[in-house]
Amino acid sequence: MTDKRAAVLDAAIDLLGREGLRGLTHRGVDAAAGVPAGSTSNYFRTRRALLEGVLDRLVERDRADVAVLGGGNLPRTEEELVDMLAGYVMFATGPDAVRTRARFALFVETTASPSLRRSVQRRRDELRGMGLAVLAALGSSDPVAGARVLTDHLDGMILHRLTSDDVDLDPRDDLRRMVRALR
């Protein structure tokens, strides 16, 4: 991905996370990215193409974050998994809350767009595949179901932390219970 295209998508994510879907326009992204008018449209001709680009960039950045949180390795023990997941939850609801709000705005948008829903699902399946690999390596009796339950739980936990006053609670105990239940 070119640096300018990545900068446009990062600006779109930031705009979406701060202003919601109504604020996400080609012109608004141009201004937020500090690029000449029409630049975003040159990369993404339609709003749908822009949303697809945002989804791809979110997954790309999520992959990079998981690699950093896991020290470049997939967790080898349940406790390493709990630590990585807790780190992700804290990052997603703290320093990276704007990007997380952008992701949830896209989730809401999928309720009105079956084709966007399929796009989100493809990307969710990719991330879920990472969880499946980890749970399988840890000896889960049903890693496919476990990965689905775990990602759904994480989405709920993150949404709760973004929308409540419980942001100071350490998620490790809840995550530890969840991981143990997925054996």
N, C-alpha and C. Protein backbone atom coordinates (compact mmCIF):
# COMPACT_ATOMS: atom_id res chain seq x y z
N MET A 1 0.85 -1.17 0.00
CA MET A 1 0.00 0.00 0.00
C MET A 1 0.90 1.23 0.00
N THR A 2 0.58 2.19 -0.85
CA THR A 2 1.38 3.40 -0.89
C THR A 2 1.20 4.21 0.38
N ASP A 3 2.21 4.99 0.70
CA ASP A 3 2.13 5.81 1.91
C ASP A 3 0.97 6.79 1.84
N LYS A 4 0.74 7.37 0.67
CA LYS A 4 -0.34 8.35 0.54
C LYS A 4 -1.71 7.67 0.68
N ARG A 5 -1.85 6.49 0.09
CA ARG A 5 -3.11 5.75 0.21
C ARG A 5 -3.35 5.35 1.67
N ALA A 6 -2.30 4.88 2.34
CA ALA A 6 -2.42 4.51 3.76
C ALA A 6 -2.78 5.74 4.59
N ALA A 7 -2.17 6.88 4.28
CA ALA A 7 -2.48 8.11 5.03
C ALA A 7 -3.94 8.52 4.82
N VAL A 8 -4.44 8.35 3.61
CA VAL A 8 -5.84 8.67 3.32
C VAL A 8 -6.75 7.74 4.12
N LEU A 9 -6.43 6.45 4.13
CA LEU A 9 -7.26 5.50 4.88
C LEU A 9 -7.18 5.74 6.38
N ASP A 10 -5.99 6.05 6.88
CA ASP A 10 -5.86 6.35 8.31
C ASP A 10 -6.67 7.60 8.67
N ALA A 11 -6.66 8.59 7.79
CA ALA A 11 -7.47 9.79 8.03
C ALA A 11 -8.96 9.44 7.99
N ALA A 12 -9.35 8.55 7.09
CA ALA A 12 -10.76 8.12 7.01
C ALA A 12 -11.17 7.40 8.29
N ILE A 13 -10.29 6.54 8.79
CA ILE A 13 -10.58 5.83 10.04
C ILE A 13 -10.73 6.82 11.18
N ASP A 14 -9.81 7.77 11.26
CA ASP A 14 -9.87 8.77 12.32
C ASP A 14 -11.16 9.60 12.22
N LEU A 15 -11.50 10.01 11.03
CA LEU A 15 -12.72 10.79 10.81
C LEU A 15 -13.96 9.97 11.18
N LEU A 16 -13.98 8.73 10.76
CA LEU A 16 -15.11 7.85 11.08
C LEU A 16 -15.23 7.63 12.59
N GLY A 17 -14.11 7.45 13.26
CA GLY A 17 -14.12 7.23 14.71
C GLY A 17 -14.49 8.46 15.50
N ARG A 18 -14.23 9.63 14.96
CA ARG A 18 -14.53 10.88 15.67
C ARG A 18 -15.91 11.44 15.32
N GLU A 19 -16.32 11.30 14.07
CA GLU A 19 -17.56 11.94 13.62
C GLU A 19 -18.64 10.97 13.19
N GLY A 20 -18.32 9.68 13.12
CA GLY A 20 -19.31 8.70 12.69
C GLY A 20 -19.45 8.67 11.19
N LEU A 21 -20.39 7.87 10.72
CA LEU A 21 -20.57 7.66 9.29
C LEU A 21 -20.98 8.93 8.54
N ARG A 22 -21.72 9.79 9.19
CA ARG A 22 -22.14 11.03 8.51
C ARG A 22 -20.96 11.92 8.17
N GLY A 23 -19.91 11.84 8.99
CA GLY A 23 -18.74 12.67 8.75
C GLY A 23 -17.78 12.10 7.72
N LEU A 24 -18.01 10.86 7.32
CA LEU A 24 -17.11 10.21 6.38
C LEU A 24 -17.49 10.55 4.94
N THR A 25 -16.84 11.56 4.41
CA THR A 25 -17.04 11.95 3.01
C THR A 25 -15.67 12.02 2.34
N HIS A 26 -15.67 11.91 1.03
CA HIS A 26 -14.40 12.02 0.30
C HIS A 26 -13.73 13.37 0.59
N ARG A 27 -14.50 14.40 0.56
CA ARG A 27 -13.97 15.75 0.81
C ARG A 27 -13.44 15.87 2.25
N GLY A 28 -14.19 15.30 3.19
CA GLY A 28 -13.76 15.35 4.58
C GLY A 28 -12.46 14.58 4.80
N VAL A 29 -12.32 13.44 4.12
CA VAL A 29 -11.09 12.66 4.24
C VAL A 29 -9.92 13.43 3.62
N ASP A 30 -10.17 14.06 2.47
CA ASP A 30 -9.10 14.88 1.86
C ASP A 30 -8.60 15.92 2.86
N ALA A 31 -9.52 16.62 3.49
CA ALA A 31 -9.14 17.67 4.44
C ALA A 31 -8.41 17.06 5.64
N ALA A 32 -8.92 15.97 6.18
CA ALA A 32 -8.30 15.34 7.35
C ALA A 32 -6.91 14.79 7.04
N ALA A 33 -6.73 14.31 5.82
CA ALA A 33 -5.44 13.75 5.42
C ALA A 33 -4.46 14.82 4.95
N GLY A 34 -4.99 16.03 4.73
CA GLY A 34 -4.13 17.11 4.24
C GLY A 34 -3.65 16.88 2.82
N VAL A 35 -4.51 16.28 2.01
CA VAL A 35 -4.17 16.02 0.61
C VAL A 35 -5.04 16.91 -0.29
N PRO A 36 -4.63 17.10 -1.53
CA PRO A 36 -5.42 17.93 -2.43
C PRO A 36 -6.84 17.39 -2.62
N ALA A 37 -7.76 18.29 -2.82
CA ALA A 37 -9.16 17.90 -3.06
C ALA A 37 -9.22 16.91 -4.22
N GLY A 38 -10.00 15.87 -4.04
CA GLY A 38 -10.15 14.85 -5.06
C GLY A 38 -9.22 13.66 -4.90
N SER A 39 -8.26 13.75 -4.02
CA SER A 39 -7.30 12.66 -3.83
C SER A 39 -7.98 11.38 -3.36
N THR A 40 -8.84 11.49 -2.37
CA THR A 40 -9.52 10.31 -1.85
C THR A 40 -10.35 9.67 -2.95
N SER A 41 -11.02 10.48 -3.73
CA SER A 41 -11.84 9.97 -4.83
C SER A 41 -10.98 9.28 -5.89
N ASN A 42 -9.76 9.73 -6.08
CA ASN A 42 -8.87 9.05 -7.03
C ASN A 42 -8.55 7.63 -6.57
N TYR A 43 -8.42 7.42 -5.28
CA TYR A 43 -8.16 6.09 -4.75
C TYR A 43 -9.43 5.26 -4.62
N PHE A 44 -10.50 5.91 -4.21
CA PHE A 44 -11.75 5.22 -3.90
C PHE A 44 -12.90 5.98 -4.56
N ARG A 45 -13.32 5.51 -5.71
CA ARG A 45 -14.30 6.23 -6.52
C ARG A 45 -15.65 6.38 -5.85
N THR A 46 -16.04 5.40 -5.07
CA THR A 46 -17.36 5.42 -4.44
C THR A 46 -17.23 5.34 -2.93
N ARG A 47 -18.30 5.67 -2.26
CA ARG A 47 -18.32 5.53 -0.80
C ARG A 47 -18.09 4.08 -0.41
N ARG A 48 -18.71 3.17 -1.16
CA ARG A 48 -18.54 1.74 -0.89
C ARG A 48 -17.07 1.34 -1.01
N ALA A 49 -16.39 1.82 -2.03
CA ALA A 49 -14.96 1.51 -2.20
C ALA A 49 -14.15 2.08 -1.03
N LEU A 50 -14.53 3.25 -0.56
CA LEU A 50 -13.85 3.85 0.58
C LEU A 50 -14.07 3.00 1.83
N LEU A 51 -15.30 2.55 2.05
CA LEU A 51 -15.59 1.69 3.21
C LEU A 51 -14.81 0.38 3.13
N GLU A 52 -14.72 -0.20 1.94
CA GLU A 52 -13.94 -1.43 1.75
C GLU A 52 -12.46 -1.17 2.07
N GLY A 53 -11.95 -0.03 1.61
CA GLY A 53 -10.56 0.32 1.91
C GLY A 53 -10.34 0.50 3.40
N VAL A 54 -11.29 1.12 4.07
CA VAL A 54 -11.20 1.30 5.52
C VAL A 54 -11.19 -0.06 6.22
N LEU A 55 -12.06 -0.97 5.78
CA LEU A 55 -12.09 -2.31 6.37
C LEU A 55 -10.74 -3.01 6.21
N ASP A 56 -10.18 -2.94 5.00
CA ASP A 56 -8.88 -3.58 4.76
C ASP A 56 -7.80 -2.97 5.65
N ARG A 57 -7.81 -1.65 5.77
CA ARG A 57 -6.80 -0.98 6.58
C ARG A 57 -6.97 -1.32 8.07
N LEU A 58 -8.20 -1.43 8.54
CA LEU A 58 -8.44 -1.82 9.92
C LEU A 58 -7.85 -3.21 10.20
N VAL A 59 -8.09 -4.15 9.30
CA VAL A 59 -7.57 -5.50 9.49
C VAL A 59 -6.04 -5.47 9.45
N GLU A 60 -5.48 -4.73 8.52
CA GLU A 60 -4.02 -4.62 8.43
C GLU A 60 -3.42 -4.10 9.74
N ARG A 61 -4.04 -3.06 10.27
CA ARG A 61 -3.54 -2.49 11.52
C ARG A 61 -3.80 -3.43 12.70
N ASP A 62 -4.92 -4.15 12.68
CA ASP A 62 -5.19 -5.13 13.74
C ASP A 62 -4.13 -6.23 13.74
N ARG A 63 -3.78 -6.73 12.56
CA ARG A 63 -2.74 -7.76 12.46
C ARG A 63 -1.44 -7.26 13.08
N ALA A 64 -1.08 -6.04 12.75
CA ALA A 64 0.17 -5.46 13.28
C ALA A 64 0.09 -5.32 14.80
N ASP A 65 -1.06 -4.88 15.30
CA ASP A 65 -1.22 -4.72 16.76
C ASP A 65 -1.12 -6.06 17.48
N VAL A 66 -1.76 -7.09 16.94
CA VAL A 66 -1.71 -8.41 17.57
C VAL A 66 -0.27 -8.93 17.58
N ALA A 67 0.45 -8.69 16.51
CA ALA A 67 1.86 -9.12 16.46
C ALA A 67 2.67 -8.42 17.55
N VAL A 68 2.44 -7.13 17.73
CA VAL A 68 3.17 -6.39 18.77
C VAL A 68 2.75 -6.88 20.16
N LEU A 69 1.46 -7.02 20.36
CA LEU A 69 0.97 -7.45 21.67
C LEU A 69 1.44 -8.86 22.03
N GLY A 70 1.60 -9.70 21.02
CA GLY A 70 2.06 -11.05 21.27
C GLY A 70 3.57 -11.19 21.19
N GLY A 71 4.27 -10.06 21.08
CA GLY A 71 5.73 -10.12 20.98
C GLY A 71 6.20 -10.80 19.70
N GLY A 72 5.36 -10.77 18.66
CA GLY A 72 5.72 -11.40 17.40
C GLY A 72 5.39 -12.87 17.34
N ASN A 73 4.91 -13.43 18.43
CA ASN A 73 4.58 -14.87 18.49
C ASN A 73 3.13 -15.05 18.91
N LEU A 74 2.56 -16.16 18.47
CA LEU A 74 1.23 -16.50 18.97
C LEU A 74 1.38 -17.01 20.40
N PRO A 75 0.39 -16.77 21.24
CA PRO A 75 0.47 -17.24 22.64
C PRO A 75 0.63 -18.76 22.69
N ARG A 76 1.47 -19.22 23.61
CA ARG A 76 1.72 -20.66 23.76
C ARG A 76 1.03 -21.24 24.99
N THR A 77 0.56 -20.38 25.87
CA THR A 77 -0.13 -20.85 27.08
C THR A 77 -1.42 -20.05 27.24
N GLU A 78 -2.30 -20.57 28.07
CA GLU A 78 -3.54 -19.84 28.35
C GLU A 78 -3.24 -18.47 28.95
N GLU A 79 -2.28 -18.40 29.83
CA GLU A 79 -1.97 -17.12 30.48
C GLU A 79 -1.39 -16.12 29.48
N GLU A 80 -0.58 -16.58 28.54
CA GLU A 80 -0.08 -15.69 27.50
C GLU A 80 -1.24 -15.18 26.64
N LEU A 81 -2.20 -16.05 26.36
CA LEU A 81 -3.37 -15.64 25.59
C LEU A 81 -4.17 -14.59 26.37
N VAL A 82 -4.38 -14.82 27.64
CA VAL A 82 -5.11 -13.87 28.48
C VAL A 82 -4.39 -12.51 28.49
N ASP A 83 -3.08 -12.55 28.65
CA ASP A 83 -2.30 -11.30 28.66
C ASP A 83 -2.42 -10.56 27.33
N MET A 84 -2.33 -11.30 26.22
CA MET A 84 -2.43 -10.67 24.91
C MET A 84 -3.83 -10.08 24.71
N LEU A 85 -4.86 -10.84 25.05
CA LEU A 85 -6.23 -10.35 24.88
C LEU A 85 -6.50 -9.14 25.77
N ALA A 86 -6.03 -9.19 27.01
CA ALA A 86 -6.21 -8.05 27.92
C ALA A 86 -5.48 -6.83 27.37
N GLY A 87 -4.29 -7.03 26.85
CA GLY A 87 -3.55 -5.92 26.25
C GLY A 87 -4.31 -5.32 25.08
N TYR A 88 -4.91 -6.20 24.27
CA TYR A 88 -5.69 -5.72 23.13
C TYR A 88 -6.92 -4.93 23.59
N VAL A 89 -7.63 -5.46 24.57
CA VAL A 89 -8.82 -4.77 25.08
C VAL A 89 -8.45 -3.39 25.64
N MET A 90 -7.38 -3.34 26.42
CA MET A 90 -6.96 -2.07 27.01
C MET A 90 -6.51 -1.08 25.93
N PHE A 91 -5.80 -1.57 24.92
CA PHE A 91 -5.35 -0.72 23.83
C PHE A 91 -6.54 -0.23 23.01
N ALA A 92 -7.46 -1.16 22.69
CA ALA A 92 -8.62 -0.82 21.85
C ALA A 92 -9.56 0.17 22.52
N THR A 93 -9.59 0.18 23.84
CA THR A 93 -10.51 1.07 24.55
C THR A 93 -9.79 2.26 25.18
N GLY A 94 -8.50 2.32 25.01
CA GLY A 94 -7.70 3.43 25.53
C GLY A 94 -7.08 4.20 24.39
N PRO A 95 -5.78 4.00 24.15
CA PRO A 95 -5.08 4.77 23.12
C PRO A 95 -5.67 4.63 21.72
N ASP A 96 -6.32 3.50 21.45
CA ASP A 96 -6.85 3.27 20.10
C ASP A 96 -8.38 3.35 20.04
N ALA A 97 -8.98 4.05 20.96
CA ALA A 97 -10.45 4.10 21.03
C ALA A 97 -11.08 4.71 19.79
N VAL A 98 -10.42 5.65 19.15
CA VAL A 98 -11.00 6.27 17.94
C VAL A 98 -11.12 5.23 16.84
N ARG A 99 -10.07 4.44 16.65
CA ARG A 99 -10.14 3.39 15.63
C ARG A 99 -11.20 2.36 15.99
N THR A 100 -11.32 2.04 17.26
CA THR A 100 -12.33 1.09 17.70
C THR A 100 -13.73 1.63 17.44
N ARG A 101 -13.95 2.90 17.70
CA ARG A 101 -15.26 3.50 17.40
C ARG A 101 -15.53 3.47 15.90
N ALA A 102 -14.51 3.65 15.09
CA ALA A 102 -14.69 3.55 13.63
C ALA A 102 -15.14 2.14 13.25
N ARG A 103 -14.52 1.14 13.85
CA ARG A 103 -14.89 -0.25 13.57
C ARG A 103 -16.34 -0.50 13.94
N PHE A 104 -16.75 -0.04 15.11
CA PHE A 104 -18.13 -0.25 15.52
C PHE A 104 -19.11 0.53 14.65
N ALA A 105 -18.73 1.69 14.17
CA ALA A 105 -19.59 2.44 13.24
C ALA A 105 -19.80 1.62 11.96
N LEU A 106 -18.76 0.97 11.50
CA LEU A 106 -18.90 0.11 10.32
C LEU A 106 -19.79 -1.09 10.62
N PHE A 107 -19.67 -1.64 11.82
CA PHE A 107 -20.54 -2.76 12.19
C PHE A 107 -22.01 -2.34 12.12
N VAL A 108 -22.31 -1.17 12.62
CA VAL A 108 -23.69 -0.68 12.59
C VAL A 108 -24.14 -0.47 11.14
N GLU A 109 -23.26 0.04 10.31
CA GLU A 109 -23.60 0.28 8.90
C GLU A 109 -23.97 -1.02 8.18
N THR A 110 -23.40 -2.12 8.61
CA THR A 110 -23.68 -3.39 7.93
C THR A 110 -25.13 -3.83 8.09
N THR A 111 -25.82 -3.31 9.10
CA THR A 111 -27.22 -3.70 9.28
C THR A 111 -28.09 -3.23 8.14
N ALA A 112 -27.64 -2.21 7.42
CA ALA A 112 -28.41 -1.68 6.29
C ALA A 112 -27.81 -2.09 4.94
N SER A 113 -26.72 -2.83 4.96
CA SER A 113 -26.05 -3.16 3.70
C SER A 113 -25.57 -4.61 3.72
N PRO A 114 -26.35 -5.51 3.11
CA PRO A 114 -25.94 -6.92 3.08
C PRO A 114 -24.57 -7.13 2.44
N SER A 115 -24.24 -6.39 1.40
CA SER A 115 -22.94 -6.60 0.76
C SER A 115 -21.81 -6.13 1.67
N LEU A 116 -22.00 -5.05 2.40
CA LEU A 116 -20.99 -4.60 3.36
C LEU A 116 -20.88 -5.60 4.51
N ARG A 117 -22.01 -6.17 4.90
CA ARG A 117 -22.01 -7.19 5.95
C ARG A 117 -21.14 -8.37 5.54
N ARG A 118 -21.26 -8.79 4.28
CA ARG A 118 -20.42 -9.89 3.80
C ARG A 118 -18.95 -9.50 3.82
N SER A 119 -18.66 -8.26 3.48
CA SER A 119 -17.28 -7.78 3.51
C SER A 119 -16.71 -7.78 4.92
N VAL A 120 -17.51 -7.32 5.87
CA VAL A 120 -17.08 -7.33 7.27
C VAL A 120 -16.88 -8.78 7.73
N GLN A 121 -17.78 -9.65 7.34
CA GLN A 121 -17.68 -11.05 7.76
C GLN A 121 -16.42 -11.71 7.23
N ARG A 122 -16.05 -11.43 5.98
CA ARG A 122 -14.82 -12.01 5.43
C ARG A 122 -13.61 -11.59 6.26
N ARG A 123 -13.57 -10.35 6.63
CA ARG A 123 -12.44 -9.85 7.41
C ARG A 123 -12.48 -10.37 8.85
N ARG A 124 -13.70 -10.47 9.40
CA ARG A 124 -13.84 -11.03 10.75
C ARG A 124 -13.39 -12.49 10.76
N ASP A 125 -13.72 -13.22 9.70
CA ASP A 125 -13.30 -14.62 9.61
C ASP A 125 -11.78 -14.75 9.59
N GLU A 126 -11.12 -13.82 8.94
CA GLU A 126 -9.66 -13.84 8.92
C GLU A 126 -9.10 -13.68 10.33
N LEU A 127 -9.62 -12.70 11.06
CA LEU A 127 -9.15 -12.49 12.43
C LEU A 127 -9.54 -13.66 13.33
N ARG A 128 -10.73 -14.20 13.09
CA ARG A 128 -11.17 -15.35 13.88
C ARG A 128 -10.26 -16.55 13.64
N GLY A 129 -9.73 -16.65 12.42
CA GLY A 129 -8.81 -17.73 12.10
C GLY A 129 -7.56 -17.70 12.98
N MET A 130 -7.11 -16.51 13.33
CA MET A 130 -5.97 -16.40 14.24
C MET A 130 -6.33 -17.00 15.60
N GLY A 131 -7.52 -16.68 16.10
CA GLY A 131 -7.98 -17.23 17.37
C GLY A 131 -8.13 -18.74 17.31
N LEU A 132 -8.63 -19.23 16.18
CA LEU A 132 -8.79 -20.67 15.99
C LEU A 132 -7.44 -21.36 16.08
N ALA A 133 -6.42 -20.81 15.43
CA ALA A 133 -5.09 -21.42 15.46
C ALA A 133 -4.54 -21.47 16.89
N VAL A 134 -4.72 -20.39 17.62
CA VAL A 134 -4.22 -20.33 18.99
C VAL A 134 -4.96 -21.34 19.87
N LEU A 135 -6.28 -21.35 19.78
CA LEU A 135 -7.06 -22.26 20.62
C LEU A 135 -6.76 -23.72 20.27
N ALA A 136 -6.58 -24.02 19.00
CA ALA A 136 -6.24 -25.38 18.60
C ALA A 136 -4.89 -25.79 19.20
N ALA A 137 -3.92 -24.88 19.13
CA ALA A 137 -2.59 -25.16 19.68
C ALA A 137 -2.64 -25.35 21.20
N LEU A 138 -3.58 -24.69 21.85
CA LEU A 138 -3.72 -24.82 23.30
C LEU A 138 -4.56 -26.04 23.70
N GLY A 139 -5.04 -26.79 22.71
CA GLY A 139 -5.77 -28.02 23.01
C GLY A 139 -7.26 -27.87 23.22
N SER A 140 -7.85 -26.81 22.69
CA SER A 140 -9.30 -26.62 22.82
C SER A 140 -10.04 -27.80 22.19
N SER A 141 -11.11 -28.24 22.83
CA SER A 141 -11.89 -29.36 22.30
C SER A 141 -12.68 -28.95 21.05
N ASP A 142 -12.99 -27.67 20.90
CA ASP A 142 -13.71 -27.19 19.73
C ASP A 142 -13.20 -25.78 19.38
N PRO A 143 -12.04 -25.70 18.75
CA PRO A 143 -11.44 -24.39 18.49
C PRO A 143 -12.26 -23.51 17.54
N VAL A 144 -13.04 -24.11 16.66
CA VAL A 144 -13.86 -23.31 15.74
C VAL A 144 -14.91 -22.54 16.53
N ALA A 145 -15.68 -23.25 17.34
CA ALA A 145 -16.69 -22.59 18.17
C ALA A 145 -16.02 -21.66 19.17
N GLY A 146 -14.91 -22.10 19.74
CA GLY A 146 -14.20 -21.28 20.72
C GLY A 146 -13.75 -19.95 20.14
N ALA A 147 -13.24 -19.97 18.91
CA ALA A 147 -12.78 -18.73 18.28
C ALA A 147 -13.96 -17.77 18.06
N ARG A 148 -15.10 -18.32 17.67
CA ARG A 148 -16.29 -17.48 17.47
C ARG A 148 -16.74 -16.87 18.79
N VAL A 149 -16.83 -17.71 19.82
CA VAL A 149 -17.26 -17.23 21.14
C VAL A 149 -16.27 -16.18 21.66
N LEU A 150 -14.99 -16.45 21.51
CA LEU A 150 -13.98 -15.53 22.01
C LEU A 150 -14.04 -14.18 21.30
N THR A 151 -14.15 -14.17 19.98
CA THR A 151 -14.20 -12.89 19.27
C THR A 151 -15.50 -12.14 19.59
N ASP A 152 -16.59 -12.88 19.70
CA ASP A 152 -17.85 -12.22 20.08
C ASP A 152 -17.75 -11.62 21.48
N HIS A 153 -17.14 -12.37 22.39
CA HIS A 153 -16.96 -11.87 23.76
C HIS A 153 -16.07 -10.62 23.77
N LEU A 154 -15.00 -10.66 23.00
CA LEU A 154 -14.11 -9.49 22.95
C LEU A 154 -14.84 -8.27 22.40
N ASP A 155 -15.61 -8.45 21.33
CA ASP A 155 -16.38 -7.33 20.79
C ASP A 155 -17.31 -6.75 21.85
N GLY A 156 -17.99 -7.64 22.58
CA GLY A 156 -18.90 -7.18 23.63
C GLY A 156 -18.17 -6.48 24.77
N MET A 157 -17.05 -7.04 25.18
CA MET A 157 -16.27 -6.45 26.26
C MET A 157 -15.76 -5.06 25.85
N ILE A 158 -15.28 -4.97 24.63
CA ILE A 158 -14.77 -3.68 24.14
C ILE A 158 -15.90 -2.67 24.03
N LEU A 159 -17.04 -3.08 23.48
CA LEU A 159 -18.18 -2.17 23.38
C LEU A 159 -18.61 -1.69 24.76
N HIS A 160 -18.67 -2.60 25.71
CA HIS A 160 -19.06 -2.24 27.07
C HIS A 160 -18.09 -1.21 27.65
N ARG A 161 -16.80 -1.45 27.48
CA ARG A 161 -15.80 -0.52 28.02
C ARG A 161 -15.89 0.85 27.35
N LEU A 162 -16.25 0.89 26.07
CA LEU A 162 -16.37 2.18 25.38
C LEU A 162 -17.62 2.96 25.79
N THR A 163 -18.61 2.25 26.29
CA THR A 163 -19.90 2.89 26.56
C THR A 163 -20.30 2.91 28.02
N SER A 164 -19.34 2.62 28.91
CA SER A 164 -19.67 2.61 30.33
C SER A 164 -18.57 3.27 31.14
N ASP A 165 -18.80 3.32 32.43
CA ASP A 165 -17.82 3.90 33.34
C ASP A 165 -16.89 2.85 33.94
N ASP A 166 -16.93 1.62 33.44
CA ASP A 166 -16.12 0.53 33.98
C ASP A 166 -14.74 0.43 33.32
N VAL A 167 -14.27 1.49 32.72
CA VAL A 167 -13.03 1.41 31.96
C VAL A 167 -11.80 1.16 32.82
N ASP A 168 -11.91 1.36 34.12
CA ASP A 168 -10.76 1.14 35.00
C ASP A 168 -10.62 -0.32 35.43
N LEU A 169 -11.62 -1.14 35.16
CA LEU A 169 -11.56 -2.54 35.56
C LEU A 169 -10.59 -3.31 34.68
N ASP A 170 -9.76 -4.13 35.31
CA ASP A 170 -8.82 -4.97 34.58
C ASP A 170 -9.61 -6.14 33.98
N PRO A 171 -9.53 -6.37 32.69
CA PRO A 171 -10.32 -7.43 32.05
C PRO A 171 -9.74 -8.83 32.21
N ARG A 172 -8.58 -8.97 32.85
CA ARG A 172 -7.89 -10.26 32.89
C ARG A 172 -8.72 -11.38 33.55
N ASP A 173 -9.37 -11.09 34.66
CA ASP A 173 -10.13 -12.15 35.33
C ASP A 173 -11.26 -12.67 34.44
N ASP A 174 -11.99 -11.76 33.82
CA ASP A 174 -13.07 -12.19 32.92
C ASP A 174 -12.51 -12.96 31.73
N LEU A 175 -11.42 -12.47 31.17
CA LEU A 175 -10.81 -13.16 30.03
C LEU A 175 -10.25 -14.52 30.43
N ARG A 176 -9.69 -14.60 31.61
CA ARG A 176 -9.16 -15.88 32.10
C ARG A 176 -10.30 -16.90 32.21
N ARG A 177 -11.44 -16.48 32.76
CA ARG A 177 -12.60 -17.37 32.85
C ARG A 177 -13.06 -17.80 31.46
N MET A 178 -13.08 -16.87 30.51
CA MET A 178 -13.52 -17.16 29.16
C MET A 178 -12.57 -18.17 28.50
N VAL A 179 -11.28 -17.93 28.61
CA VAL A 179 -10.30 -18.83 27.98
C VAL A 179 -10.39 -20.24 28.60
N ARG A 180 -10.53 -20.31 29.90
CA ARG A 180 -10.65 -21.63 30.55
C ARG A 180 -11.91 -22.37 30.10
N ALA A 181 -12.98 -21.64 29.90
CA ALA A 181 -14.23 -22.25 29.47
C ALA A 181 -14.14 -22.79 28.04
N LEU A 182 -13.17 -22.30 27.27
CA LEU A 182 -13.05 -22.71 25.87
C LEU A 182 -12.14 -23.93 25.67
N ARG A 183 -11.71 -24.52 26.75
CA ARG A 183 -10.83 -25.72 26.64
C ARG A 183 -11.48 -26.82 25.89
